[in-house]
Protein backbone atom coordinates (compact mmCIF):
# COMPACT_ATOMS: atom_id res chain seq x y z
CA MET A 1 -97.29 170.56 25.48
CA SER A 2 -97.27 168.13 28.28
CA SER A 3 -98.89 164.54 27.67
CA ARG A 4 -99.60 164.12 31.56
CA PRO A 5 -102.78 162.33 32.36
CA PHE A 6 -105.89 164.07 33.61
CA ALA A 7 -106.17 164.21 37.47
CA LYS A 8 -107.87 166.14 39.93
CA LEU A 9 -105.59 168.90 40.96
CA THR A 10 -104.19 168.94 44.42
CA THR A 11 -100.98 171.15 44.15
CA SER A 12 -100.68 174.92 43.54
CA LEU A 13 -99.41 176.55 40.20
CA ALA A 14 -95.77 176.39 40.26
CA GLY A 15 -93.05 178.85 40.15
CA ALA A 16 -93.76 182.65 39.05
CA CYS A 17 -97.57 181.63 38.64
CA ALA A 18 -97.89 180.66 42.29
CA ALA A 19 -96.53 184.44 43.02
CA THR A 20 -98.77 186.03 41.12
CA ALA A 21 -101.73 187.96 42.72
CA LEU A 22 -103.66 189.18 39.99
CA ALA A 23 -105.62 186.77 38.05
CA VAL A 24 -104.94 188.72 34.58
CA THR A 25 -101.39 187.47 34.57
CA LEU A 26 -102.18 184.02 35.21
CA GLY A 27 -103.28 182.46 32.32
CA ALA A 28 -99.87 182.43 30.59
CA CYS A 29 -98.39 180.16 32.82
CA SER A 30 -99.62 176.49 32.00
CA THR A 31 -98.13 173.77 34.02
CA GLY A 32 -100.11 170.95 32.49
CA THR A 33 -102.15 170.23 35.87
CA THR A 34 -105.74 170.05 35.42
CA THR A 35 -108.78 170.58 37.43
CA GLU A 36 -112.30 168.74 37.96
CA SER A 37 -115.98 169.52 38.69
CA THR A 38 -118.46 166.86 39.45
CA GLY A 39 -121.06 165.80 36.92
CA SER A 40 -124.15 163.57 37.73
CA GLY A 41 -126.03 160.73 36.32
CA THR A 42 -125.17 158.25 33.91
CA PRO A 43 -123.46 159.31 30.70
CA ALA A 44 -126.07 160.41 28.01
CA SER A 45 -126.46 157.91 25.25
CA GLY A 46 -124.84 158.53 21.70
CA LEU A 47 -121.55 159.65 22.90
CA PRO A 48 -118.35 158.38 21.92
CA GLU A 49 -117.86 155.46 23.59
CA GLN A 50 -114.53 156.10 24.77
CA ILE A 51 -115.71 159.60 26.56
CA ALA A 52 -118.96 157.32 27.90
CA SER A 53 -117.00 154.86 29.70
CA SER A 54 -114.62 156.99 30.98
CA GLY A 55 -117.40 159.39 32.60
CA ALA A 56 -114.78 162.44 32.11
CA LEU A 57 -114.93 165.30 29.66
CA LYS A 58 -111.29 166.89 29.06
CA LEU A 59 -111.46 170.21 28.45
CA GLY A 60 -108.53 172.90 27.37
CA ALA A 61 -108.22 176.56 26.91
CA GLU A 62 -106.13 179.37 27.91
CA TRP A 63 -107.47 180.78 30.97
CA SER A 64 -106.61 184.53 30.20
CA THR A 65 -109.60 185.57 28.84
CA PRO A 66 -112.48 186.69 31.04
CA PRO A 67 -115.31 186.61 30.92
CA ILE A 68 -114.99 183.77 28.64
CA ILE A 69 -112.55 181.71 31.06
CA SER A 70 -109.90 183.09 33.57
CA VAL A 71 -109.03 182.72 37.10
CA ASP A 72 -109.72 184.06 40.15
CA ALA A 73 -106.49 185.42 42.60
CA SER A 74 -108.19 183.84 45.04
CA ASN A 75 -108.12 180.39 43.42
CA THR A 76 -105.85 179.74 40.73
CA SER A 77 -106.41 176.38 40.11
CA GLN A 78 -110.09 176.58 39.20
CA PRO A 79 -111.10 178.32 35.90
CA VAL A 80 -114.09 180.81 36.12
CA GLY A 81 -116.23 182.44 33.63
CA ILE A 82 -118.85 181.33 30.85
CA ALA A 83 -116.60 178.51 29.62
CA PRO A 84 -116.70 176.95 33.09
CA ASP A 85 -119.93 177.69 33.78
CA LEU A 86 -121.43 176.38 30.44
CA ALA A 87 -119.04 173.12 31.25
CA ALA A 88 -120.50 172.86 34.37
CA ALA A 89 -124.05 172.84 33.11
CA ILE A 90 -123.35 170.39 30.20
CA GLY A 91 -121.50 167.97 32.14
CA THR A 92 -124.77 167.55 34.60
CA ASP A 93 -126.81 167.65 31.58
CA LEU A 94 -124.73 164.99 29.77
CA GLY A 95 -123.55 163.11 33.00
CA LEU A 96 -120.11 163.45 32.86
CA THR A 97 -117.43 165.46 34.75
CA PRO A 98 -115.76 168.10 33.16
CA GLN A 99 -111.82 168.28 33.72
CA TRP A 100 -109.86 171.55 32.50
CA ARG A 101 -106.42 171.84 31.34
CA ASN A 102 -104.75 175.29 31.01
CA MET A 103 -103.42 175.17 27.48
CA GLN A 104 -101.75 178.05 25.82
CA TRP A 105 -102.91 178.96 22.57
CA PRO A 106 -100.23 177.24 19.88
CA ALA A 107 -101.02 174.04 21.69
CA GLN A 108 -104.47 174.04 21.63
CA LEU A 109 -105.09 172.82 17.88
CA PRO A 110 -102.60 170.30 18.06
CA GLY A 111 -103.60 169.05 22.04
CA LEU A 112 -107.32 168.22 20.41
CA GLN A 113 -105.79 166.70 17.35
CA SER A 114 -103.79 164.41 19.19
CA GLY A 115 -106.35 163.46 21.56
CA ALA A 116 -104.73 165.18 24.84
CA VAL A 117 -108.42 166.98 25.17
CA ASP A 118 -111.60 166.12 23.63
CA ALA A 119 -112.77 169.51 23.15
CA LEU A 120 -111.30 173.25 23.45
CA PHE A 121 -113.79 175.78 25.02
CA GLY A 122 -112.63 179.13 25.11
CA GLN A 123 -110.60 180.85 22.51
CA ILE A 124 -111.76 179.18 19.10
CA THR A 125 -113.22 181.57 16.38
CA ASP A 126 -115.74 179.40 13.87
CA THR A 127 -114.25 179.87 10.13
CA ARG A 128 -115.40 177.69 7.43
CA GLU A 129 -112.34 176.57 6.71
CA ARG A 130 -112.15 174.73 10.14
CA GLU A 131 -115.35 173.30 9.65
CA ALA A 132 -114.45 171.93 6.60
CA GLY A 133 -111.53 170.59 7.39
CA GLU A 134 -110.31 168.91 10.64
CA PHE A 135 -112.49 170.23 13.62
CA ASP A 136 -116.35 170.29 14.41
CA LEU A 137 -117.43 173.71 15.59
CA VAL A 138 -120.49 174.62 18.19
CA PRO A 139 -121.16 178.24 18.84
CA PHE A 140 -121.59 179.14 22.23
CA ILE A 141 -120.96 183.01 21.94
CA LYS A 142 -121.02 185.55 19.37
CA THR A 143 -118.98 188.87 19.43
CA THR A 144 -117.41 191.78 18.10
CA GLU A 145 -113.49 192.38 17.88
CA SER A 146 -112.47 195.44 19.66
CA LEU A 147 -108.95 197.26 19.95
CA LEU A 148 -107.40 197.66 23.35
CA MET A 149 -105.34 200.76 23.75
CA PRO A 150 -103.99 203.15 26.44
CA ALA A 151 -107.19 205.65 26.63
CA ASP A 152 -105.00 208.86 26.40
CA LYS A 153 -103.86 207.63 23.03
CA ALA A 154 -107.35 206.27 21.15
CA ALA A 155 -108.30 210.08 19.95
CA GLY A 156 -109.92 209.52 16.51
CA ILE A 157 -109.28 205.76 16.28
CA THR A 158 -112.88 204.61 15.25
CA SER A 159 -111.42 201.32 12.92
CA LEU A 160 -108.35 199.28 11.98
CA ALA A 161 -108.11 201.75 8.93
CA ASP A 162 -107.23 204.08 11.54
CA MET A 163 -103.91 202.29 12.86
CA CYS A 164 -101.82 202.63 9.42
CA GLY A 165 -98.28 203.01 10.44
CA LYS A 166 -99.10 201.79 14.03
CA THR A 167 -98.58 197.93 15.67
CA ILE A 168 -101.45 195.72 16.33
CA GLY A 169 -101.23 192.41 18.51
CA ALA A 170 -102.99 189.62 17.59
CA PRO A 171 -103.36 186.29 18.69
CA VAL A 172 -100.50 183.85 17.03
CA GLY A 173 -101.90 182.44 13.88
CA ALA A 174 -105.78 183.63 14.57
CA VAL A 175 -108.17 185.01 12.15
CA GLN A 176 -107.48 188.55 13.52
CA VAL A 177 -104.03 188.20 11.81
CA ALA A 178 -105.52 187.87 8.57
CA ALA A 179 -108.47 190.56 9.17
CA VAL A 180 -105.30 193.44 10.38
CA LYS A 181 -103.32 192.40 7.13
CA ALA A 182 -106.26 192.59 4.70
CA VAL A 183 -107.80 196.03 5.87
CA SER A 184 -104.05 197.20 5.99
CA ASP A 185 -103.26 196.31 2.19
CA LYS A 186 -106.53 198.13 1.63
CA GLU A 187 -106.41 200.78 3.49
CA CYS A 188 -102.60 201.39 4.53
CA ALA A 189 -100.59 200.51 1.43
CA SER A 190 -98.40 203.48 2.06
CA THR A 191 -98.02 203.28 5.90
CA PRO A 192 -99.16 199.62 6.48
CA ILE A 193 -100.29 198.10 9.86
CA LYS A 194 -97.42 196.07 11.54
CA VAL A 195 -98.66 192.95 13.07
CA SER A 196 -97.23 191.52 16.11
CA GLU A 197 -98.65 187.84 17.19
CA PHE A 198 -98.62 186.61 20.83
CA GLN A 199 -99.29 183.21 22.62
CA GLY A 200 -101.94 184.89 24.98
CA ALA A 201 -103.64 188.29 26.01
CA ASN A 202 -101.67 188.60 29.40
CA ALA A 203 -98.43 189.34 27.34
CA ALA A 204 -99.66 191.35 24.66
CA ILE A 205 -102.14 193.64 27.49
CA SER A 206 -98.54 194.19 29.29
CA ALA A 207 -97.53 195.23 25.56
CA VAL A 208 -99.96 198.15 25.39
CA ARG A 209 -99.24 199.03 28.87
CA SER A 210 -95.42 199.51 28.12
CA GLY A 211 -95.91 201.07 24.57
CA ALA A 212 -94.23 197.93 22.50
CA ILE A 213 -97.83 197.85 20.65
CA ASP A 214 -100.42 200.52 19.82
CA ALA A 215 -103.21 198.31 20.32
CA TRP A 216 -104.23 194.52 21.32
CA LEU A 217 -106.63 193.02 18.65
CA ASP A 218 -109.52 190.51 20.62
CA THR A 219 -112.73 189.77 21.44
CA THR A 220 -114.80 192.91 23.03
CA PRO A 221 -116.07 191.04 26.16
CA SER A 222 -112.36 190.18 27.07
CA GLN A 223 -111.31 193.63 26.28
CA LYS A 224 -114.23 195.25 28.25
CA SER A 225 -112.94 193.02 31.32
CA ALA A 226 -109.41 194.50 30.54
CA VAL A 227 -110.57 197.99 30.86
CA ALA A 228 -112.67 197.27 33.98
CA ALA A 229 -109.21 196.36 35.68
CA ASP A 230 -107.16 199.21 34.48
CA SER A 231 -108.78 202.44 34.06
CA LYS A 232 -105.88 203.92 31.71
CA LEU A 233 -106.74 201.36 28.95
CA THR A 234 -110.05 201.64 26.44
CA ALA A 235 -111.72 199.33 24.20
CA VAL A 236 -112.45 200.59 20.60
CA VAL A 237 -114.82 198.41 19.07
CA VAL A 238 -113.94 197.52 15.30
CA PRO A 239 -116.78 198.18 12.51
CA ASP A 240 -118.62 195.66 11.50
CA THR A 241 -117.63 196.46 7.89
CA GLU A 242 -113.74 195.50 8.96
CA ILE A 243 -114.39 192.28 11.02
CA GLU A 244 -118.07 190.77 11.30
CA PRO A 245 -119.07 189.50 14.73
CA LEU A 246 -117.49 185.96 15.24
CA TYR A 247 -118.83 182.65 16.57
CA THR A 248 -116.44 181.64 19.55
CA THR A 249 -116.87 177.78 19.61
CA ILE A 250 -116.49 174.34 21.54
CA ALA A 251 -114.30 172.58 18.91
CA VAL A 252 -114.08 169.01 18.89
CA SER A 253 -112.03 166.71 16.45
CA LYS A 254 -113.98 165.25 13.62
CA LYS A 255 -113.10 161.47 15.02
CA ASN A 256 -115.30 162.47 17.71
CA GLY A 257 -118.07 163.80 15.33
CA ALA A 258 -120.59 162.44 18.37
CA LEU A 259 -119.51 164.54 20.67
CA ALA A 260 -119.87 167.86 18.93
CA THR A 261 -123.38 166.86 18.47
CA ALA A 262 -123.83 166.13 22.11
CA PHE A 263 -122.53 169.44 22.75
CA ALA A 264 -124.87 171.15 20.45
CA ASP A 265 -127.96 169.25 21.67
CA SER A 266 -127.22 169.67 25.20
CA LEU A 267 -126.63 173.65 24.95
CA ARG A 268 -129.74 173.93 22.75
CA ARG A 269 -131.55 172.17 26.09
CA LEU A 270 -129.85 174.69 28.34
CA SER A 271 -131.20 177.48 25.69
CA GLU A 272 -134.23 176.59 26.00
CA ASN A 273 -134.76 175.97 29.78
CA GLY A 274 -133.02 179.46 30.28
CA THR A 275 -129.76 178.57 31.89
CA TYR A 276 -127.89 179.75 28.93
CA ALA A 277 -129.28 183.04 29.29
CA LYS A 278 -128.71 182.79 33.11
CA ILE A 279 -124.95 181.87 32.63
CA LEU A 280 -124.30 184.96 30.11
CA ALA A 281 -125.98 187.59 32.38
CA ASP A 282 -124.27 186.01 35.54
CA ASN A 283 -121.11 186.88 33.39
CA ASP A 284 -122.16 190.36 32.30
CA SER A 285 -122.40 188.99 28.73
CA ALA A 286 -125.78 188.84 27.77
CA ASP A 287 -125.24 190.55 24.77
CA SER A 288 -122.79 188.12 23.46
CA ALA A 289 -125.54 185.35 23.38
CA VAL A 290 -126.47 183.42 20.42
CA THR A 291 -130.21 182.09 19.51
CA VAL A 292 -131.16 178.70 20.10
CA ASP A 293 -131.34 178.56 15.90
CA GLU A 294 -127.75 179.23 15.70
CA ILE A 295 -126.47 176.40 18.24
CA LYS A 296 -125.91 173.83 15.82
CA VAL A 297 -122.60 172.10 14.43
CA ASN A 298 -120.65 174.02 11.84
CA PRO A 299 -123.17 176.67 11.46
CA LEU A 300 -121.26 178.69 8.60
CA THR A 301 -121.15 175.56 6.31
CA GLY A 302 -123.78 173.36 7.51
CA THR A 303 -121.10 170.51 7.21
CA PRO A 304 -122.41 167.23 9.05
CA ALA A 305 -120.49 166.05 12.28
CA GLY A 306 -117.79 164.02 11.95
CA THR A 307 -117.40 164.61 7.97
CA LYS A 308 -114.93 167.25 5.63
């Protein structure tokens, strides 16, 4: 991935990205460019020194998973959705200016570990292994998972177990891959489910449309957005017995544990003053809200910020 310094974006996306009119196709084109929105006030106390002194909050995500984060066709240089709206509010609360980088999924965790970004804010699912490993995680939504399928081929499909012998797409290296394989091993021994891993949602959705895969597994809010954009698709919610509702989180390196604590404290304030609920409602995602008691660092393990 690019190591180019963060700066306010003043040029348009290059090549094929700029030529594309549909927002849903833009997230897969990573240019290494960034955008920023303006924070206000003095950086809050308790932040890591290098972040407080810079006044900037460098954030990474793939801009292709609405309503969490995507782009509008009218302005492809600025991400929109739940994560950018929350980041703007957190930035104001902490006195920092959010700066966004469009990052493909495989580059995200390495980019966080290398310091290319201060936090990932869009696609990081909470797991006990991640909390106990290299990352501190702060949940900002909680969602079920759904299968995105052609509407005319979804009859009789109510679960992953109904997909024996078929091909399901999942994000490369993500928790969904393991979940599909676990169900396949248990329910589909003679005709296993095949898993095809994708670097981003756009390519996977195109594969569903073309018939290259039978379904794409991702968060329910993102699948609903895809269905809203294409009436020939439908979303089948995966039962909780196969995949429990999952936290999507803000991920921070454990080297910056104080930043994870600052994120959690700020998000709780936004929850308590009603800003959080309004942002989710404005993005048609009120049913994905977490409670104020769930907004904490490493909620699955209780691992203190900055420790393994």
